[in-house]
Amino acid sequence: MFKDFLLKKMLKAQGVPEGQVDMVLKMVHKNPELFKTIAAEIEAKTKTGLDQQTAAMQVMQTHQAEIQKLMQG
């Protein structure tokens, strides 16, 4: 519950529209391990010197199929 509140606040602060915030929360609840993996991979890439946005884009592309399945289901 508290994690959801924090995640919602963080996403809104990043400028994510309300409808998308709810969609992201649903996806995280469906497969929390995937998002832990994504976060770890982004962190590893930023430690190599990539900026966070570039690292996130690269990692999201590698997990694109899994994310699309979550969005559809």
C-alpha atoms as a PDB file:
ATOM      1  CA  MET A   1       0.000   0.000   0.000  1.00  0.00           C
ATOM      2  CA  PHE A   2       2.680   2.476   1.044  1.00  0.00           C
ATOM      3  CA  LYS A   3       4.885   1.375  -1.873  1.00  0.00           C
ATOM      4  CA  ASP A   4       2.019   2.114  -4.248  1.00  0.00           C
ATOM      5  CA  PHE A   5       1.641   5.579  -2.776  1.00  0.00           C
ATOM      6  CA  LEU A   6       5.353   6.313  -3.188  1.00  0.00           C
ATOM      7  CA  LEU A   7       5.476   4.897  -6.698  1.00  0.00           C
ATOM      8  CA  LYS A   8       2.417   6.935  -7.698  1.00  0.00           C
ATOM      9  CA  LYS A   9       3.954  10.099  -6.295  1.00  0.00           C
ATOM     10  CA  MET A  10       7.266   9.458  -8.060  1.00  0.00           C
ATOM     11  CA  LEU A  11       5.584   8.784 -11.408  1.00  0.00           C
ATOM     12  CA  LYS A  12       3.428  11.911 -11.119  1.00  0.00           C
ATOM     13  CA  ALA A  13       6.519  13.960 -10.262  1.00  0.00           C
ATOM     14  CA  GLN A  14       8.115  12.656 -13.465  1.00  0.00           C
ATOM     15  CA  GLY A  15       5.141  14.004 -15.409  1.00  0.00           C
ATOM     16  CA  VAL A  16       3.439  10.697 -16.132  1.00  0.00           C
ATOM     17  CA  PRO A  17      -0.295  11.207 -16.811  1.00  0.00           C
ATOM     18  CA  GLU A  18      -2.749   9.792 -14.238  1.00  0.00           C
ATOM     19  CA  GLY A  19      -4.086   7.066 -16.555  1.00  0.00           C
ATOM     20  CA  GLN A  20      -0.604   5.797 -17.264  1.00  0.00           C
ATOM     21  CA  VAL A  21       0.302   5.842 -13.573  1.00  0.00           C
ATOM     22  CA  ASP A  22      -2.505   3.372 -12.868  1.00  0.00           C
ATOM     23  CA  MET A  23      -1.443   1.210 -15.814  1.00  0.00           C
ATOM     24  CA  VAL A  24       2.148   1.091 -14.546  1.00  0.00           C
ATOM     25  CA  LEU A  25       0.987   0.140 -11.046  1.00  0.00           C
ATOM     26  CA  LYS A  26      -1.117  -2.715 -12.452  1.00  0.00           C
ATOM     27  CA  MET A  27       1.840  -4.003 -14.466  1.00  0.00           C
ATOM     28  CA  VAL A  28       4.132  -3.858 -11.432  1.00  0.00           C
ATOM     29  CA  HIS A  29       1.590  -5.829  -9.400  1.00  0.00           C
ATOM     30  CA  LYS A  30       1.303  -8.469 -12.134  1.00  0.00           C
ATOM     31  CA  ASN A  31       5.062  -9.081 -12.350  1.00  0.00           C
ATOM     32  CA  PRO A  32       7.069  -7.355  -9.610  1.00  0.00           C
ATOM     33  CA  GLU A  33      10.156  -9.478 -10.320  1.00  0.00           C
ATOM     34  CA  LEU A  34      10.374  -8.123 -13.876  1.00  0.00           C
ATOM     35  CA  PHE A  35      10.436  -4.566 -12.591  1.00  0.00           C
ATOM     36  CA  LYS A  36      13.056  -5.418  -9.959  1.00  0.00           C
ATOM     37  CA  THR A  37      15.189  -6.836 -12.755  1.00  0.00           C
ATOM     38  CA  ILE A  38      14.622  -3.766 -14.925  1.00  0.00           C
ATOM     39  CA  ALA A  39      15.572  -1.447 -12.055  1.00  0.00           C
ATOM     40  CA  ALA A  40      18.746  -3.430 -11.349  1.00  0.00           C
ATOM     41  CA  GLU A  41      19.762  -3.399 -15.014  1.00  0.00           C
ATOM     42  CA  ILE A  42      19.176   0.354 -15.282  1.00  0.00           C
ATOM     43  CA  GLU A  43      21.252   0.911 -12.152  1.00  0.00           C
ATOM     44  CA  ALA A  44      24.086  -1.237 -13.519  1.00  0.00           C
ATOM     45  CA  LYS A  45      24.128   0.712 -16.779  1.00  0.00           C
ATOM     46  CA  THR A  46      24.154   4.077 -15.013  1.00  0.00           C
ATOM     47  CA  LYS A  47      27.149   2.914 -12.984  1.00  0.00           C
ATOM     48  CA  THR A  48      29.021   2.395 -16.262  1.00  0.00           C
ATOM     49  CA  GLY A  49      28.519   6.056 -17.108  1.00  0.00           C
ATOM     50  CA  LEU A  50      25.278   6.097 -19.104  1.00  0.00           C
ATOM     51  CA  ASP A  51      22.724   8.709 -18.164  1.00  0.00           C
ATOM     52  CA  GLN A  52      19.555   7.338 -16.571  1.00  0.00           C
ATOM     53  CA  GLN A  53      17.288   8.048 -19.536  1.00  0.00           C
ATOM     54  CA  THR A  54      19.534   6.273 -22.049  1.00  0.00           C
ATOM     55  CA  ALA A  55      20.008   3.334 -19.697  1.00  0.00           C
ATOM     56  CA  ALA A  56      16.244   3.067 -19.147  1.00  0.00           C
ATOM     57  CA  MET A  57      15.538   3.135 -22.880  1.00  0.00           C
ATOM     58  CA  GLN A  58      18.084   0.384 -23.559  1.00  0.00           C
ATOM     59  CA  VAL A  59      16.781  -1.839 -20.776  1.00  0.00           C
ATOM     60  CA  MET A  60      13.140  -1.281 -21.709  1.00  0.00           C
ATOM     61  CA  GLN A  61      13.906  -2.278 -25.293  1.00  0.00           C
ATOM     62  CA  THR A  62      15.391  -5.581 -24.137  1.00  0.00           C
ATOM     63  CA  HIS A  63      12.267  -6.296 -22.061  1.00  0.00           C
ATOM     64  CA  GLN A  64       9.806  -4.891 -24.590  1.00  0.00           C
ATOM     65  CA  ALA A  65       8.027  -8.186 -25.309  1.00  0.00           C
ATOM     66  CA  GLU A  66       7.473  -8.925 -21.620  1.00  0.00           C
ATOM     67  CA  ILE A  67       6.153  -5.417 -20.981  1.00  0.00           C
ATOM     68  CA  GLN A  68       3.791  -5.625 -23.942  1.00  0.00           C
ATOM     69  CA  LYS A  69       2.373  -8.908 -22.604  1.00  0.00           C
ATOM     70  CA  LEU A  70       1.689  -7.212 -19.262  1.00  0.00           C
ATOM     71  CA  MET A  71      -0.009  -4.299 -20.987  1.00  0.00           C
ATOM     72  CA  GLN A  72      -2.308  -6.608 -22.934  1.00  0.00           C
ATOM     73  CA  GLY A  73      -3.167  -8.998 -20.125  1.00  0.00           C
END
